[in-house]
Amino acid sequence: SSILLAEVPPRNGGVIKAFEAVDSKIRIKIVLSELIQLINAVRNSQAFINEPYTSELFDSEIYFFDILDLLYFSISEMPNTFQLIEVVEALLLLKKGLNMICCLIANFPESFHEICMSLITNGSNTEDESFHSANRVRVLRKLCQMNPNEALLIRGEAVELCRMPNLVVMLTLDHIKQCETVASTTPVIKGLKKNAPSTSGSNLSNSKADVVSFITGILLSNDDRVRNWFANYIKSSQRKSSSGSVSVFGNSFLEFRAVLLNRFKAVTEQVAALSESTSSTSSTESELILTEACIMLRLYCALRGAASIKYTDEETVAICRMIICRPRHGYIGVRFVSFGLCMILAFPQMVTACESESKVIDWIRWLVQEESYLGKVHY
């Protein structure tokens, strides 16, 4: 460090002019001296966490790719002096750090998972909105968009370490959008039967069901550490939404709730159609629909119980509408009814606030009439 700084020419006209006026050997020394200052800032100071580090050279758009080439050369030729993980952590302080990091990692694909794990490990376990922490989340999200096959693995690592809950929600939303894109661009194969299932539509449905199971698993986890970590994030997001404060990420969880609600309504339509249908539906298809409905009810119950979430009017109406469905007799039908009854007993105020209160009362009367038959179905 001292040798590099000693050999860097005077910067009387600024570092950019010095960078322009010298040959490639001196240029690399200028870049490395700037990089060393960044690394020292990360090691020794917290002064730049809440705002980006100002660097005339690294903030320059004109020499962006020249700087990247010199960084790549330095990391490749001097791996013991300039380690990729340390350089990435330093670049997080910069306004253009995201683009620089993504370009560097693209040139070191073998280090992708190692870098992601390091970024997660050094991340915050809360919804930290400082520039440094927010940039870390943005970088990880962008890296996962570059390599979507690793996205769910990275999400799982973040959950296991209880780091960056915003990232977990964002990667989940990205996964859903990616499946929707694949489903919309998959060509329809001619010659299929009219009622033949669509592979793309099935994959999209399965991905959303997997997302519901994933979030439910966190909120009902046997690991108190994971459950409390994510529940606290949800409570924090709801407080910010109620107070009208704006996050640097927007409200990721609010967007996630909207996606969940849309899926909940779609499943409700399927359950209602199943209950009212007189045609014969395959038992496998019925079980899949009712199983997902049970998972959805469990999730909303967990959101209310574990995360103390307050249902919106739209969510309350949707939940009541699903509960009053009357599935056919059978093991999974009894389980569905049990979940609905448990929700009514656990949150009776939900029913009184719902416009369908009379329908819920009729549903309970129906349940009493069917008790003798439903009681014969054993788990």
Protein backbone atom coordinates (compact mmCIF):
# COMPACT_ATOMS: atom_id res chain seq x y z
CA SER A 1 0.00 0.00 0.00
CA SER A 2 2.71 2.51 0.97
CA ILE A 3 4.77 1.63 -2.12
CA LEU A 4 1.80 2.12 -4.43
CA LEU A 5 0.80 5.41 -2.85
CA ALA A 6 4.39 6.66 -3.00
CA GLU A 7 4.70 5.96 -6.73
CA VAL A 8 1.41 7.56 -7.74
CA PRO A 9 2.05 10.88 -9.55
CA PRO A 10 0.82 14.20 -8.07
CA ARG A 11 -2.88 14.90 -8.66
CA ASN A 12 -2.77 18.67 -8.92
CA GLY A 13 -5.50 18.71 -11.58
CA GLY A 14 -7.51 15.88 -10.03
CA VAL A 15 -7.26 12.12 -10.26
CA ILE A 16 -9.07 11.97 -13.61
CA LYS A 17 -6.53 14.26 -15.30
CA ALA A 18 -3.71 12.30 -13.72
CA PHE A 19 -5.29 9.08 -15.00
CA GLU A 20 -5.56 10.51 -18.52
CA ALA A 21 -2.02 11.83 -18.65
CA VAL A 22 -0.07 8.67 -17.80
CA ASP A 23 0.66 5.30 -19.39
CA SER A 24 -0.96 1.96 -18.44
CA LYS A 25 1.67 1.10 -15.79
CA ILE A 26 0.95 4.25 -13.81
CA ARG A 27 -2.79 3.92 -14.44
CA ILE A 28 -2.94 0.62 -12.62
CA LYS A 29 -1.10 2.15 -9.67
CA ILE A 30 -3.65 4.99 -9.53
CA VAL A 31 -6.56 2.51 -9.62
CA LEU A 32 -4.99 0.32 -6.95
CA SER A 33 -4.26 3.28 -4.68
CA GLU A 34 -7.94 4.27 -4.92
CA LEU A 35 -8.95 0.67 -4.25
CA ILE A 36 -6.68 0.48 -1.20
CA GLN A 37 -8.34 3.58 0.22
CA LEU A 38 -11.73 1.92 -0.25
CA ILE A 39 -10.57 -1.28 1.46
CA ASN A 40 -9.17 0.72 4.36
CA ALA A 41 -12.47 2.58 4.65
CA VAL A 42 -14.28 -0.76 5.00
CA ARG A 43 -11.79 -2.07 7.55
CA ASN A 44 -11.35 0.97 9.72
CA SER A 45 -14.38 3.19 9.47
CA GLN A 46 -18.16 3.20 9.46
CA ALA A 47 -18.34 6.76 8.12
CA PHE A 48 -19.54 5.84 4.66
CA ILE A 49 -22.22 3.30 5.56
CA ASN A 50 -25.14 5.71 5.35
CA GLU A 51 -23.98 7.41 2.17
CA PRO A 52 -21.88 6.34 -0.83
CA TYR A 53 -18.13 6.82 -0.79
CA THR A 54 -17.14 9.59 -3.21
CA SER A 55 -14.40 8.62 -5.64
CA GLU A 56 -13.72 10.85 -8.64
CA LEU A 57 -12.11 7.99 -10.51
CA PHE A 58 -14.50 5.11 -9.69
CA ASP A 59 -17.56 7.33 -10.19
CA SER A 60 -16.44 8.23 -13.71
CA GLU A 61 -18.55 6.76 -16.51
CA ILE A 62 -15.94 7.48 -19.18
CA TYR A 63 -13.29 5.17 -17.69
CA PHE A 64 -15.68 2.57 -16.26
CA PHE A 65 -14.46 -0.33 -18.42
CA ASP A 66 -10.80 0.74 -18.22
CA ILE A 67 -11.02 0.58 -14.44
CA LEU A 68 -12.76 -2.80 -14.60
CA ASP A 69 -10.02 -4.22 -16.83
CA LEU A 70 -7.35 -3.04 -14.39
CA LEU A 71 -9.26 -4.46 -11.40
CA TYR A 72 -9.68 -7.81 -13.17
CA PHE A 73 -5.96 -7.91 -14.02
CA SER A 74 -4.95 -7.04 -10.44
CA ILE A 75 -7.20 -9.70 -8.87
CA SER A 76 -6.04 -12.34 -11.37
CA GLU A 77 -2.32 -11.57 -11.09
CA MET A 78 -2.17 -10.66 -7.38
CA PRO A 79 -4.82 -12.88 -5.73
CA ASN A 80 -3.06 -12.87 -2.35
CA THR A 81 -2.87 -9.08 -2.25
CA PHE A 82 -6.24 -8.24 -3.76
CA GLN A 83 -8.76 -10.94 -2.90
CA LEU A 84 -12.00 -10.90 -4.87
CA ILE A 85 -14.19 -11.05 -1.73
CA GLU A 86 -12.39 -8.07 -0.18
CA VAL A 87 -12.61 -6.06 -3.42
CA VAL A 88 -16.34 -6.77 -3.72
CA GLU A 89 -16.94 -5.59 -0.14
CA ALA A 90 -15.02 -2.39 -0.91
CA LEU A 91 -16.94 -1.72 -4.15
CA LEU A 92 -20.23 -1.89 -2.21
CA LEU A 93 -19.43 1.60 -0.92
CA LEU A 94 -19.59 3.12 -4.42
CA LYS A 95 -22.52 4.47 -6.41
CA LYS A 96 -21.47 2.34 -9.36
CA GLY A 97 -20.48 -0.56 -7.14
CA LEU A 98 -23.39 -2.73 -8.28
CA ASN A 99 -22.40 -2.64 -11.97
CA MET A 100 -18.71 -3.06 -11.18
CA ILE A 101 -19.33 -6.09 -8.95
CA CYS A 102 -21.63 -7.78 -11.46
CA CYS A 103 -19.08 -7.31 -14.26
CA LEU A 104 -16.28 -8.67 -12.09
CA ILE A 105 -18.25 -11.73 -10.98
CA ALA A 106 -19.15 -12.42 -14.62
CA ASN A 107 -15.42 -12.79 -15.22
CA PHE A 108 -14.95 -15.05 -12.17
CA PRO A 109 -17.93 -17.43 -12.55
CA GLU A 110 -16.23 -20.11 -10.44
CA SER A 111 -16.38 -17.74 -7.45
CA PHE A 112 -20.09 -16.91 -7.82
CA HIS A 113 -21.39 -18.95 -4.90
CA GLU A 114 -18.47 -18.07 -2.63
CA ILE A 115 -19.03 -14.34 -3.23
CA CYS A 116 -22.77 -14.63 -2.65
CA MET A 117 -22.22 -16.51 0.60
CA SER A 118 -19.77 -13.87 1.78
CA LEU A 119 -22.21 -11.07 0.94
CA ILE A 120 -24.99 -12.88 2.84
CA THR A 121 -22.82 -13.66 5.86
CA ASN A 122 -21.76 -10.02 6.19
CA GLY A 123 -25.30 -8.76 5.68
CA SER A 124 -27.72 -7.39 8.25
CA ASN A 125 -30.29 -9.59 9.99
CA THR A 126 -32.83 -6.76 9.95
CA GLU A 127 -34.39 -4.51 7.34
CA ASP A 128 -31.41 -2.13 7.28
CA GLU A 129 -31.87 0.68 4.76
CA SER A 130 -28.45 2.34 4.97
CA PHE A 131 -26.73 2.79 1.60
CA HIS A 132 -24.16 0.06 2.31
CA SER A 133 -26.76 -2.54 3.34
CA ALA A 134 -29.22 -1.57 0.60
CA ASN A 135 -26.48 -1.85 -2.01
CA ARG A 136 -25.61 -5.31 -0.70
CA VAL A 137 -29.20 -6.45 -1.23
CA ARG A 138 -29.31 -4.93 -4.72
CA VAL A 139 -26.05 -6.63 -5.68
CA LEU A 140 -27.21 -10.06 -4.48
CA ARG A 141 -30.54 -9.67 -6.26
CA LYS A 142 -28.81 -8.68 -9.49
CA LEU A 143 -26.38 -11.60 -9.23
CA CYS A 144 -29.31 -13.99 -8.79
CA GLN A 145 -31.00 -12.48 -11.85
CA MET A 146 -27.79 -13.10 -13.77
CA ASN A 147 -27.73 -16.71 -12.58
CA PRO A 148 -31.36 -17.68 -11.80
CA ASN A 149 -30.45 -21.32 -11.22
CA GLU A 150 -28.70 -20.25 -8.00
CA ALA A 151 -31.44 -17.88 -6.82
CA LEU A 152 -33.42 -20.31 -4.67
CA LEU A 153 -30.22 -21.72 -3.17
CA ILE A 154 -29.08 -18.20 -2.23
CA ARG A 155 -32.53 -17.52 -0.77
CA GLY A 156 -32.28 -20.66 1.35
CA GLU A 157 -28.84 -19.65 2.63
CA ALA A 158 -30.18 -16.21 3.61
CA VAL A 159 -33.01 -17.84 5.57
CA GLU A 160 -30.68 -20.30 7.29
CA LEU A 161 -28.38 -17.47 8.41
CA CYS A 162 -31.31 -15.11 9.16
CA ARG A 163 -29.89 -12.38 6.95
CA MET A 164 -31.54 -9.73 4.75
CA PRO A 165 -35.26 -10.59 4.90
CA ASN A 166 -35.92 -8.06 2.14
CA LEU A 167 -33.71 -10.11 -0.16
CA VAL A 168 -35.66 -13.28 0.66
CA VAL A 169 -38.95 -11.62 -0.36
CA MET A 170 -37.43 -10.05 -3.48
CA LEU A 171 -35.95 -13.35 -4.69
CA THR A 172 -39.31 -15.01 -4.09
CA LEU A 173 -41.08 -12.36 -6.19
CA ASP A 174 -38.43 -12.68 -8.90
CA HIS A 175 -38.95 -16.45 -8.96
CA ILE A 176 -42.70 -16.02 -9.48
CA LYS A 177 -42.16 -13.44 -12.25
CA GLN A 178 -39.65 -15.69 -13.95
CA CYS A 179 -42.14 -18.58 -13.96
CA GLU A 180 -44.85 -16.25 -15.31
CA THR A 181 -42.52 -15.17 -18.12
CA VAL A 182 -41.71 -18.76 -19.01
CA ALA A 183 -45.42 -19.66 -18.96
CA SER A 184 -46.36 -16.73 -21.22
CA THR A 185 -43.61 -17.42 -23.75
CA THR A 186 -44.01 -21.20 -23.94
CA PRO A 187 -45.56 -22.03 -27.34
CA VAL A 188 -48.82 -23.97 -27.45
CA ILE A 189 -48.32 -27.37 -29.07
CA LYS A 190 -50.88 -28.08 -31.73
CA GLY A 191 -52.65 -31.38 -31.65
CA LEU A 192 -53.16 -31.53 -27.90
CA LYS A 193 -56.57 -32.51 -26.66
CA LYS A 194 -58.86 -29.70 -25.61
CA ASN A 195 -58.76 -30.61 -21.93
CA ALA A 196 -55.11 -31.61 -21.89
CA PRO A 197 -53.18 -29.89 -19.09
CA SER A 198 -50.82 -27.09 -20.04
CA THR A 199 -47.27 -27.82 -18.95
CA SER A 200 -46.35 -24.15 -18.62
CA GLY A 201 -49.52 -23.36 -16.68
CA SER A 202 -48.93 -26.34 -14.42
CA ASN A 203 -45.35 -25.23 -13.73
CA LEU A 204 -46.54 -21.70 -12.90
CA SER A 205 -49.16 -23.06 -10.53
CA ASN A 206 -46.62 -25.35 -8.89
CA SER A 207 -44.13 -22.50 -8.46
CA LYS A 208 -46.71 -20.36 -6.66
CA ALA A 209 -47.71 -23.30 -4.49
CA ASP A 210 -44.03 -23.85 -3.65
CA VAL A 211 -43.71 -20.19 -2.67
CA VAL A 212 -46.68 -20.49 -0.32
CA SER A 213 -45.19 -23.63 1.24
CA PHE A 214 -41.82 -21.88 1.60
CA ILE A 215 -43.20 -18.86 3.50
CA THR A 216 -45.49 -21.07 5.59
CA GLY A 217 -42.50 -23.22 6.49
CA ILE A 218 -40.61 -20.17 7.76
CA LEU A 219 -43.49 -18.84 9.88
CA LEU A 220 -44.29 -22.28 11.31
CA SER A 221 -40.68 -23.38 11.57
CA ASN A 222 -39.51 -25.38 14.57
CA ASP A 223 -36.49 -23.07 14.62
CA ASP A 224 -37.50 -20.15 16.86
CA ARG A 225 -34.62 -18.08 15.53
CA VAL A 226 -35.82 -18.25 11.91
CA ARG A 227 -39.49 -17.83 12.81
CA ASN A 228 -38.92 -14.77 15.01
CA TRP A 229 -36.51 -13.21 12.50
CA PHE A 230 -39.03 -13.27 9.66
CA ALA A 231 -42.00 -12.42 11.88
CA ASN A 232 -40.18 -9.29 13.08
CA TYR A 233 -39.52 -8.30 9.48
CA ILE A 234 -43.23 -8.62 8.63
CA LYS A 235 -44.19 -6.56 11.69
CA SER A 236 -41.67 -3.89 10.70
CA SER A 237 -42.99 -3.80 7.13
CA GLN A 238 -46.56 -3.46 8.35
CA ARG A 239 -45.62 -0.60 10.70
CA LYS A 240 -43.92 1.26 7.85
CA SER A 241 -46.92 0.69 5.60
CA SER A 242 -49.29 2.01 8.27
CA SER A 243 -47.16 5.08 8.94
CA GLY A 244 -46.77 5.84 5.24
CA SER A 245 -42.96 5.82 5.36
CA VAL A 246 -41.23 4.95 2.09
CA SER A 247 -38.50 2.30 2.01
CA VAL A 248 -35.54 2.45 -0.36
CA PHE A 249 -36.85 -0.86 -1.75
CA GLY A 250 -40.49 0.21 -1.89
CA ASN A 251 -42.64 -2.13 0.14
CA SER A 252 -41.52 -5.57 -1.00
CA PHE A 253 -43.72 -7.39 1.45
CA LEU A 254 -46.77 -5.36 0.39
CA GLU A 255 -46.13 -6.49 -3.18
CA PHE A 256 -45.71 -10.05 -1.94
CA ARG A 257 -49.04 -9.85 -0.10
CA ALA A 258 -50.73 -8.75 -3.33
CA VAL A 259 -49.26 -11.77 -5.15
CA LEU A 260 -50.41 -14.08 -2.34
CA LEU A 261 -53.91 -12.61 -2.40
CA ASN A 262 -54.22 -13.10 -6.16
CA ARG A 263 -53.17 -16.71 -5.76
CA PHE A 264 -55.56 -17.15 -2.83
CA LYS A 265 -58.47 -15.88 -4.94
CA ALA A 266 -57.54 -18.21 -7.81
CA VAL A 267 -57.46 -21.22 -5.46
CA THR A 268 -60.79 -20.13 -3.94
CA GLU A 269 -62.37 -20.13 -7.39
CA GLN A 270 -61.09 -23.66 -7.96
CA VAL A 271 -62.42 -24.89 -4.60
CA ALA A 272 -65.80 -23.21 -5.19
CA ALA A 273 -66.06 -24.76 -8.65
CA LEU A 274 -65.13 -28.11 -7.18
CA SER A 275 -67.83 -27.81 -4.51
CA GLU A 276 -70.55 -26.78 -6.96
CA SER A 277 -69.60 -29.08 -9.81
CA THR A 278 -71.87 -32.03 -10.56
CA SER A 279 -69.49 -33.53 -13.11
CA SER A 280 -67.00 -36.13 -12.05
CA THR A 281 -63.59 -34.67 -11.25
CA SER A 282 -60.61 -36.94 -10.77
CA SER A 283 -59.82 -37.56 -7.13
CA THR A 284 -56.18 -36.65 -7.71
CA GLU A 285 -57.09 -33.24 -9.14
CA SER A 286 -59.53 -32.58 -6.29
CA GLU A 287 -56.95 -33.52 -3.68
CA LEU A 288 -54.34 -31.21 -5.24
CA ILE A 289 -56.75 -28.26 -5.23
CA LEU A 290 -57.91 -28.84 -1.65
CA THR A 291 -54.35 -29.46 -0.44
CA GLU A 292 -53.22 -26.10 -1.80
CA ALA A 293 -56.30 -24.48 -0.24
CA CYS A 294 -55.33 -25.95 3.15
CA ILE A 295 -51.79 -24.63 2.74
CA MET A 296 -53.12 -21.16 1.90
CA LEU A 297 -55.34 -21.14 5.00
CA ARG A 298 -52.41 -22.26 7.14
CA LEU A 299 -50.29 -19.45 5.73
CA TYR A 300 -52.84 -16.74 6.47
CA CYS A 301 -53.35 -18.20 9.92
CA ALA A 302 -49.57 -18.12 10.49
CA LEU A 303 -49.35 -14.54 9.22
CA ARG A 304 -51.96 -13.51 11.77
CA GLY A 305 -50.72 -15.65 14.64
CA ALA A 306 -46.92 -15.55 14.29
CA ALA A 307 -46.46 -12.16 12.63
CA SER A 308 -49.50 -10.34 14.11
CA ILE A 309 -50.48 -9.16 10.65
CA LYS A 310 -53.70 -7.21 10.25
CA TYR A 311 -55.84 -8.50 7.41
CA THR A 312 -57.00 -5.98 4.83
CA ASP A 313 -60.71 -5.86 3.97
CA GLU A 314 -59.96 -7.59 0.68
CA GLU A 315 -58.06 -10.38 2.44
CA THR A 316 -60.85 -10.82 4.99
CA VAL A 317 -63.49 -11.19 2.27
CA ALA A 318 -61.30 -13.65 0.35
CA ILE A 319 -60.67 -15.80 3.44
CA CYS A 320 -64.37 -15.90 4.36
CA ARG A 321 -65.26 -16.84 0.80
CA MET A 322 -62.84 -19.76 0.85
CA ILE A 323 -63.96 -20.98 4.28
CA ILE A 324 -67.65 -21.26 3.30
CA CYS A 325 -66.89 -23.61 0.42
CA ARG A 326 -68.38 -27.07 0.91
CA PRO A 327 -66.01 -29.71 -0.44
CA ARG A 328 -66.99 -33.30 -1.05
CA HIS A 329 -66.60 -35.82 1.73
CA GLY A 330 -63.22 -37.39 2.15
CA TYR A 331 -60.03 -37.11 4.14
CA ILE A 332 -58.75 -33.93 2.46
CA GLY A 333 -62.24 -32.39 2.53
CA VAL A 334 -62.47 -32.89 6.29
CA ARG A 335 -59.01 -31.40 6.71
CA PHE A 336 -60.04 -28.34 4.69
CA VAL A 337 -63.18 -27.88 6.80
CA SER A 338 -61.11 -28.26 9.97
CA PHE A 339 -58.75 -25.47 8.90
CA GLY A 340 -61.70 -23.22 8.12
CA LEU A 341 -63.33 -23.90 11.49
CA CYS A 342 -60.04 -23.31 13.33
CA MET A 343 -59.65 -19.92 11.64
CA ILE A 344 -63.16 -18.91 12.69
CA LEU A 345 -62.50 -19.98 16.29
CA ALA A 346 -59.09 -18.31 16.39
CA PHE A 347 -60.16 -15.04 14.76
CA PRO A 348 -63.92 -14.58 15.32
CA GLN A 349 -63.61 -10.82 14.75
CA MET A 350 -62.69 -11.63 11.16
CA VAL A 351 -66.17 -13.06 10.55
CA THR A 352 -68.02 -10.14 12.15
CA ALA A 353 -66.03 -7.74 9.98
CA CYS A 354 -66.89 -9.70 6.86
CA GLU A 355 -69.87 -9.00 4.61
CA SER A 356 -70.43 -12.75 4.34
CA GLU A 357 -71.25 -13.21 8.03
CA SER A 358 -74.67 -14.73 7.26
CA LYS A 359 -73.05 -17.16 4.80
CA VAL A 360 -70.53 -18.19 7.45
CA ILE A 361 -73.40 -18.88 9.87
CA ASP A 362 -75.13 -21.01 7.21
CA TRP A 363 -71.85 -22.85 6.65
CA ILE A 364 -71.58 -23.64 10.39
CA ARG A 365 -75.17 -24.98 10.36
CA TRP A 366 -74.28 -27.13 7.36
CA LEU A 367 -71.25 -28.38 9.26
CA VAL A 368 -73.43 -29.38 12.22
CA GLN A 369 -75.79 -31.29 9.89
CA GLU A 370 -72.87 -33.07 8.24
CA GLU A 371 -71.14 -33.86 11.52
CA SER A 372 -72.34 -37.44 11.68
CA TYR A 373 -70.90 -38.22 8.26
CA LEU A 374 -67.73 -36.14 8.54
CA GLY A 375 -66.96 -37.80 11.85
CA LYS A 376 -66.65 -41.16 10.09
CA VAL A 377 -63.69 -39.99 8.08
CA HIS A 378 -60.53 -40.69 10.06
CA TYR A 379 -57.10 -39.07 9.62
